[in-house]
Amino acid sequence: MADVLVILKVYPDSDEVNLDNLTQQINSRLPQGYKLVRKDTEPIAYGLKALVVYIQMPENTEGGTESLEEIVNGIEGVSHAEVLQVTRLGF
């Protein structure tokens, strides 16, 4: 069974949200079999930055990325999160 790589863009509530702490919160809430592979930031406007996280997860996850989006959207300080891309990791 292969995994998929999900690129998720996380928009904070404000520019006061610490993106490093937000990354740690996301990582600690990931279900078993999910793995935070990489993180980046992307400027939005007026000093506000979005967090871009790369998460490896099982391909045959029921509901696809919906549960991942719900987990991230439920974290305090997150305005919303959106999936930018999903790609299959076949080795």
N, C-alpha and C. Protein backbone atom coordinates (compact mmCIF):
# COMPACT_ATOMS: atom_id res chain seq x y z
N MET A 1 0.84 -1.18 0.00
CA MET A 1 0.00 0.00 0.00
C MET A 1 0.89 1.25 0.00
N ALA A 2 0.57 2.18 -0.84
CA ALA A 2 1.34 3.41 -0.96
C ALA A 2 0.77 4.50 -0.06
N ASP A 3 1.54 5.54 0.12
CA ASP A 3 1.11 6.72 0.86
C ASP A 3 0.88 7.85 -0.13
N VAL A 4 0.24 8.90 0.37
CA VAL A 4 0.08 10.12 -0.42
C VAL A 4 0.71 11.26 0.36
N LEU A 5 1.13 12.28 -0.37
CA LEU A 5 1.66 13.50 0.23
C LEU A 5 0.62 14.59 0.03
N VAL A 6 0.17 15.16 1.13
CA VAL A 6 -0.84 16.22 1.10
C VAL A 6 -0.14 17.54 1.40
N ILE A 7 -0.32 18.50 0.52
CA ILE A 7 0.20 19.85 0.77
C ILE A 7 -0.98 20.68 1.24
N LEU A 8 -0.88 21.15 2.47
CA LEU A 8 -1.98 21.84 3.14
C LEU A 8 -1.55 23.27 3.48
N LYS A 9 -2.35 24.24 3.09
CA LYS A 9 -2.07 25.64 3.40
C LYS A 9 -2.95 26.05 4.56
N VAL A 10 -2.31 26.50 5.63
CA VAL A 10 -3.01 26.84 6.87
C VAL A 10 -2.96 28.35 7.06
N TYR A 11 -4.13 28.97 7.11
CA TYR A 11 -4.23 30.42 7.30
C TYR A 11 -4.47 30.72 8.78
N PRO A 12 -3.58 31.49 9.42
CA PRO A 12 -3.77 31.84 10.83
C PRO A 12 -4.85 32.92 10.98
N ASP A 13 -5.38 33.02 12.21
CA ASP A 13 -6.36 34.06 12.54
C ASP A 13 -5.78 35.46 12.44
N SER A 14 -4.51 35.60 12.82
CA SER A 14 -3.87 36.92 12.82
C SER A 14 -2.37 36.76 12.66
N ASP A 15 -1.70 37.88 12.54
CA ASP A 15 -0.24 37.84 12.42
C ASP A 15 0.44 37.59 13.76
N GLU A 16 -0.34 37.53 14.83
CA GLU A 16 0.21 37.26 16.16
C GLU A 16 0.33 35.77 16.46
N VAL A 17 -0.22 34.93 15.60
CA VAL A 17 -0.15 33.48 15.80
C VAL A 17 1.27 33.01 15.51
N ASN A 18 1.86 32.29 16.44
CA ASN A 18 3.21 31.75 16.29
C ASN A 18 3.14 30.51 15.40
N LEU A 19 3.72 30.58 14.22
CA LEU A 19 3.62 29.49 13.25
C LEU A 19 4.41 28.25 13.68
N ASP A 20 5.47 28.43 14.45
CA ASP A 20 6.22 27.27 14.96
C ASP A 20 5.37 26.49 15.96
N ASN A 21 4.68 27.21 16.86
CA ASN A 21 3.78 26.55 17.80
C ASN A 21 2.62 25.88 17.08
N LEU A 22 2.13 26.53 16.04
CA LEU A 22 1.04 25.97 15.26
C LEU A 22 1.48 24.67 14.59
N THR A 23 2.69 24.64 14.07
CA THR A 23 3.24 23.42 13.47
C THR A 23 3.33 22.30 14.49
N GLN A 24 3.77 22.61 15.70
CA GLN A 24 3.86 21.61 16.76
C GLN A 24 2.48 21.07 17.13
N GLN A 25 1.49 21.95 17.18
CA GLN A 25 0.12 21.51 17.50
C GLN A 25 -0.42 20.59 16.42
N ILE A 26 -0.17 20.94 15.17
CA ILE A 26 -0.63 20.09 14.06
C ILE A 26 0.04 18.73 14.16
N ASN A 27 1.34 18.72 14.36
CA ASN A 27 2.10 17.47 14.42
C ASN A 27 1.62 16.58 15.57
N SER A 28 1.32 17.18 16.71
CA SER A 28 0.89 16.40 17.87
C SER A 28 -0.51 15.82 17.72
N ARG A 29 -1.32 16.39 16.84
CA ARG A 29 -2.69 15.91 16.65
C ARG A 29 -2.87 14.96 15.47
N LEU A 30 -1.80 14.71 14.75
CA LEU A 30 -1.89 13.82 13.60
C LEU A 30 -2.16 12.38 14.06
N PRO A 31 -3.08 11.69 13.39
CA PRO A 31 -3.36 10.29 13.73
C PRO A 31 -2.17 9.38 13.41
N GLN A 32 -2.23 8.18 13.93
CA GLN A 32 -1.18 7.19 13.66
C GLN A 32 -1.13 6.93 12.15
N GLY A 33 0.08 6.84 11.62
CA GLY A 33 0.26 6.62 10.19
C GLY A 33 0.45 7.90 9.40
N TYR A 34 0.22 9.04 10.04
CA TYR A 34 0.42 10.34 9.40
C TYR A 34 1.77 10.89 9.86
N LYS A 35 2.43 11.64 8.98
CA LYS A 35 3.76 12.15 9.31
C LYS A 35 3.96 13.53 8.69
N LEU A 36 4.35 14.48 9.52
CA LEU A 36 4.69 15.81 9.03
C LEU A 36 6.08 15.74 8.42
N VAL A 37 6.17 16.00 7.12
CA VAL A 37 7.42 15.83 6.39
C VAL A 37 8.18 17.15 6.26
N ARG A 38 7.46 18.24 6.06
CA ARG A 38 8.10 19.53 5.80
C ARG A 38 7.13 20.65 6.11
N LYS A 39 7.69 21.82 6.41
CA LYS A 39 6.86 23.01 6.60
C LYS A 39 7.53 24.21 5.96
N ASP A 40 6.73 25.09 5.43
CA ASP A 40 7.19 26.35 4.84
C ASP A 40 6.23 27.45 5.27
N THR A 41 6.62 28.67 5.02
CA THR A 41 5.70 29.79 5.20
C THR A 41 5.57 30.51 3.87
N GLU A 42 4.42 31.15 3.70
CA GLU A 42 4.15 31.87 2.46
C GLU A 42 3.51 33.21 2.83
N PRO A 43 4.10 34.32 2.39
CA PRO A 43 3.51 35.63 2.70
C PRO A 43 2.13 35.78 2.06
N ILE A 44 1.22 36.37 2.82
CA ILE A 44 -0.14 36.62 2.29
C ILE A 44 -0.28 38.12 2.02
N ALA A 45 -0.25 38.93 3.10
CA ALA A 45 -0.36 40.38 2.95
C ALA A 45 -0.09 41.06 4.29
N TYR A 46 0.51 42.23 4.24
CA TYR A 46 0.70 43.08 5.41
C TYR A 46 1.32 42.34 6.59
N GLY A 47 2.34 41.55 6.35
CA GLY A 47 3.03 40.84 7.42
C GLY A 47 2.40 39.52 7.82
N LEU A 48 1.24 39.21 7.29
CA LEU A 48 0.57 37.95 7.60
C LEU A 48 1.15 36.85 6.73
N LYS A 49 1.47 35.72 7.36
CA LYS A 49 2.03 34.58 6.62
C LYS A 49 1.15 33.36 6.81
N ALA A 50 1.05 32.55 5.78
CA ALA A 50 0.36 31.27 5.85
C ALA A 50 1.40 30.18 6.10
N LEU A 51 0.97 29.13 6.76
CA LEU A 51 1.83 27.98 7.01
C LEU A 51 1.50 26.93 5.95
N VAL A 52 2.51 26.41 5.29
CA VAL A 52 2.31 25.36 4.29
C VAL A 52 2.98 24.10 4.85
N VAL A 53 2.16 23.06 5.11
CA VAL A 53 2.69 21.83 5.68
C VAL A 53 2.53 20.70 4.67
N TYR A 54 3.51 19.82 4.67
CA TYR A 54 3.54 18.64 3.80
C TYR A 54 3.35 17.43 4.70
N ILE A 55 2.25 16.73 4.52
CA ILE A 55 1.92 15.62 5.41
C ILE A 55 1.78 14.34 4.60
N GLN A 56 2.51 13.32 5.04
CA GLN A 56 2.42 12.00 4.43
C GLN A 56 1.36 11.22 5.19
N MET A 57 0.44 10.59 4.44
CA MET A 57 -0.64 9.84 5.06
C MET A 57 -0.98 8.61 4.21
N PRO A 58 -1.64 7.61 4.80
CA PRO A 58 -2.00 6.42 4.03
C PRO A 58 -2.94 6.74 2.88
N GLU A 59 -2.72 6.08 1.75
CA GLU A 59 -3.53 6.33 0.55
C GLU A 59 -4.99 5.92 0.74
N ASN A 60 -5.21 4.81 1.42
CA ASN A 60 -6.57 4.27 1.55
C ASN A 60 -7.29 4.78 2.78
N THR A 61 -7.14 6.05 3.09
CA THR A 61 -7.81 6.66 4.23
C THR A 61 -9.24 6.98 3.84
N GLU A 62 -10.18 6.47 4.65
CA GLU A 62 -11.60 6.73 4.37
C GLU A 62 -11.87 8.22 4.50
N GLY A 63 -12.53 8.78 3.51
CA GLY A 63 -12.83 10.21 3.51
C GLY A 63 -11.72 11.07 2.94
N GLY A 64 -10.64 10.45 2.52
CA GLY A 64 -9.53 11.20 1.91
C GLY A 64 -8.91 12.17 2.89
N THR A 65 -8.82 13.42 2.51
CA THR A 65 -8.16 14.43 3.34
C THR A 65 -9.13 15.15 4.28
N GLU A 66 -10.39 14.77 4.25
CA GLU A 66 -11.41 15.48 5.06
C GLU A 66 -11.06 15.47 6.55
N SER A 67 -10.66 14.32 7.08
CA SER A 67 -10.34 14.26 8.52
C SER A 67 -9.12 15.12 8.85
N LEU A 68 -8.15 15.15 7.97
CA LEU A 68 -6.96 15.98 8.17
C LEU A 68 -7.35 17.46 8.22
N GLU A 69 -8.19 17.88 7.30
CA GLU A 69 -8.65 19.26 7.28
C GLU A 69 -9.43 19.61 8.55
N GLU A 70 -10.27 18.69 9.03
CA GLU A 70 -11.03 18.92 10.25
C GLU A 70 -10.12 19.07 11.46
N ILE A 71 -9.09 18.23 11.53
CA ILE A 71 -8.13 18.30 12.65
C ILE A 71 -7.46 19.67 12.66
N VAL A 72 -6.96 20.10 11.52
CA VAL A 72 -6.22 21.37 11.45
C VAL A 72 -7.16 22.55 11.68
N ASN A 73 -8.35 22.51 11.10
CA ASN A 73 -9.30 23.61 11.29
C ASN A 73 -9.78 23.72 12.73
N GLY A 74 -9.66 22.66 13.51
CA GLY A 74 -10.08 22.67 14.90
C GLY A 74 -9.05 23.22 15.87
N ILE A 75 -7.90 23.59 15.38
CA ILE A 75 -6.84 24.11 16.24
C ILE A 75 -7.03 25.61 16.45
N GLU A 76 -6.86 26.03 17.71
CA GLU A 76 -7.00 27.45 18.03
C GLU A 76 -5.93 28.26 17.30
N GLY A 77 -6.35 29.36 16.71
CA GLY A 77 -5.43 30.21 15.96
C GLY A 77 -5.47 29.97 14.47
N VAL A 78 -6.24 28.95 14.04
CA VAL A 78 -6.36 28.65 12.61
C VAL A 78 -7.66 29.26 12.09
N SER A 79 -7.54 30.10 11.08
CA SER A 79 -8.71 30.66 10.42
C SER A 79 -9.35 29.59 9.54
N HIS A 80 -8.55 29.00 8.66
CA HIS A 80 -8.99 27.86 7.84
C HIS A 80 -7.78 27.23 7.17
N ALA A 81 -8.00 26.03 6.68
CA ALA A 81 -6.94 25.30 5.98
C ALA A 81 -7.51 24.76 4.68
N GLU A 82 -6.67 24.72 3.67
CA GLU A 82 -7.12 24.19 2.37
C GLU A 82 -6.05 23.29 1.77
N VAL A 83 -6.50 22.26 1.10
CA VAL A 83 -5.59 21.34 0.43
C VAL A 83 -5.16 21.96 -0.88
N LEU A 84 -3.86 22.09 -1.07
CA LEU A 84 -3.34 22.62 -2.33
C LEU A 84 -3.09 21.52 -3.33
N GLN A 85 -2.60 20.36 -2.84
CA GLN A 85 -2.24 19.28 -3.75
C GLN A 85 -2.18 17.98 -2.99
N VAL A 86 -2.50 16.90 -3.69
CA VAL A 86 -2.32 15.54 -3.19
C VAL A 86 -1.62 14.75 -4.27
N THR A 87 -0.53 14.09 -3.90
CA THR A 87 0.20 13.29 -4.87
C THR A 87 0.55 11.95 -4.25
N ARG A 88 0.53 10.92 -5.07
CA ARG A 88 0.80 9.56 -4.61
C ARG A 88 2.31 9.33 -4.53
N LEU A 89 2.71 8.72 -3.42
CA LEU A 89 4.11 8.38 -3.22
C LEU A 89 4.24 6.88 -3.43
N GLY A 90 4.61 6.46 -4.59
CA GLY A 90 4.76 5.03 -4.88
C GLY A 90 6.22 4.66 -5.02
N PHE A 91 6.68 3.80 -4.16
CA PHE A 91 8.09 3.38 -4.20
C PHE A 91 8.17 1.96 -4.67
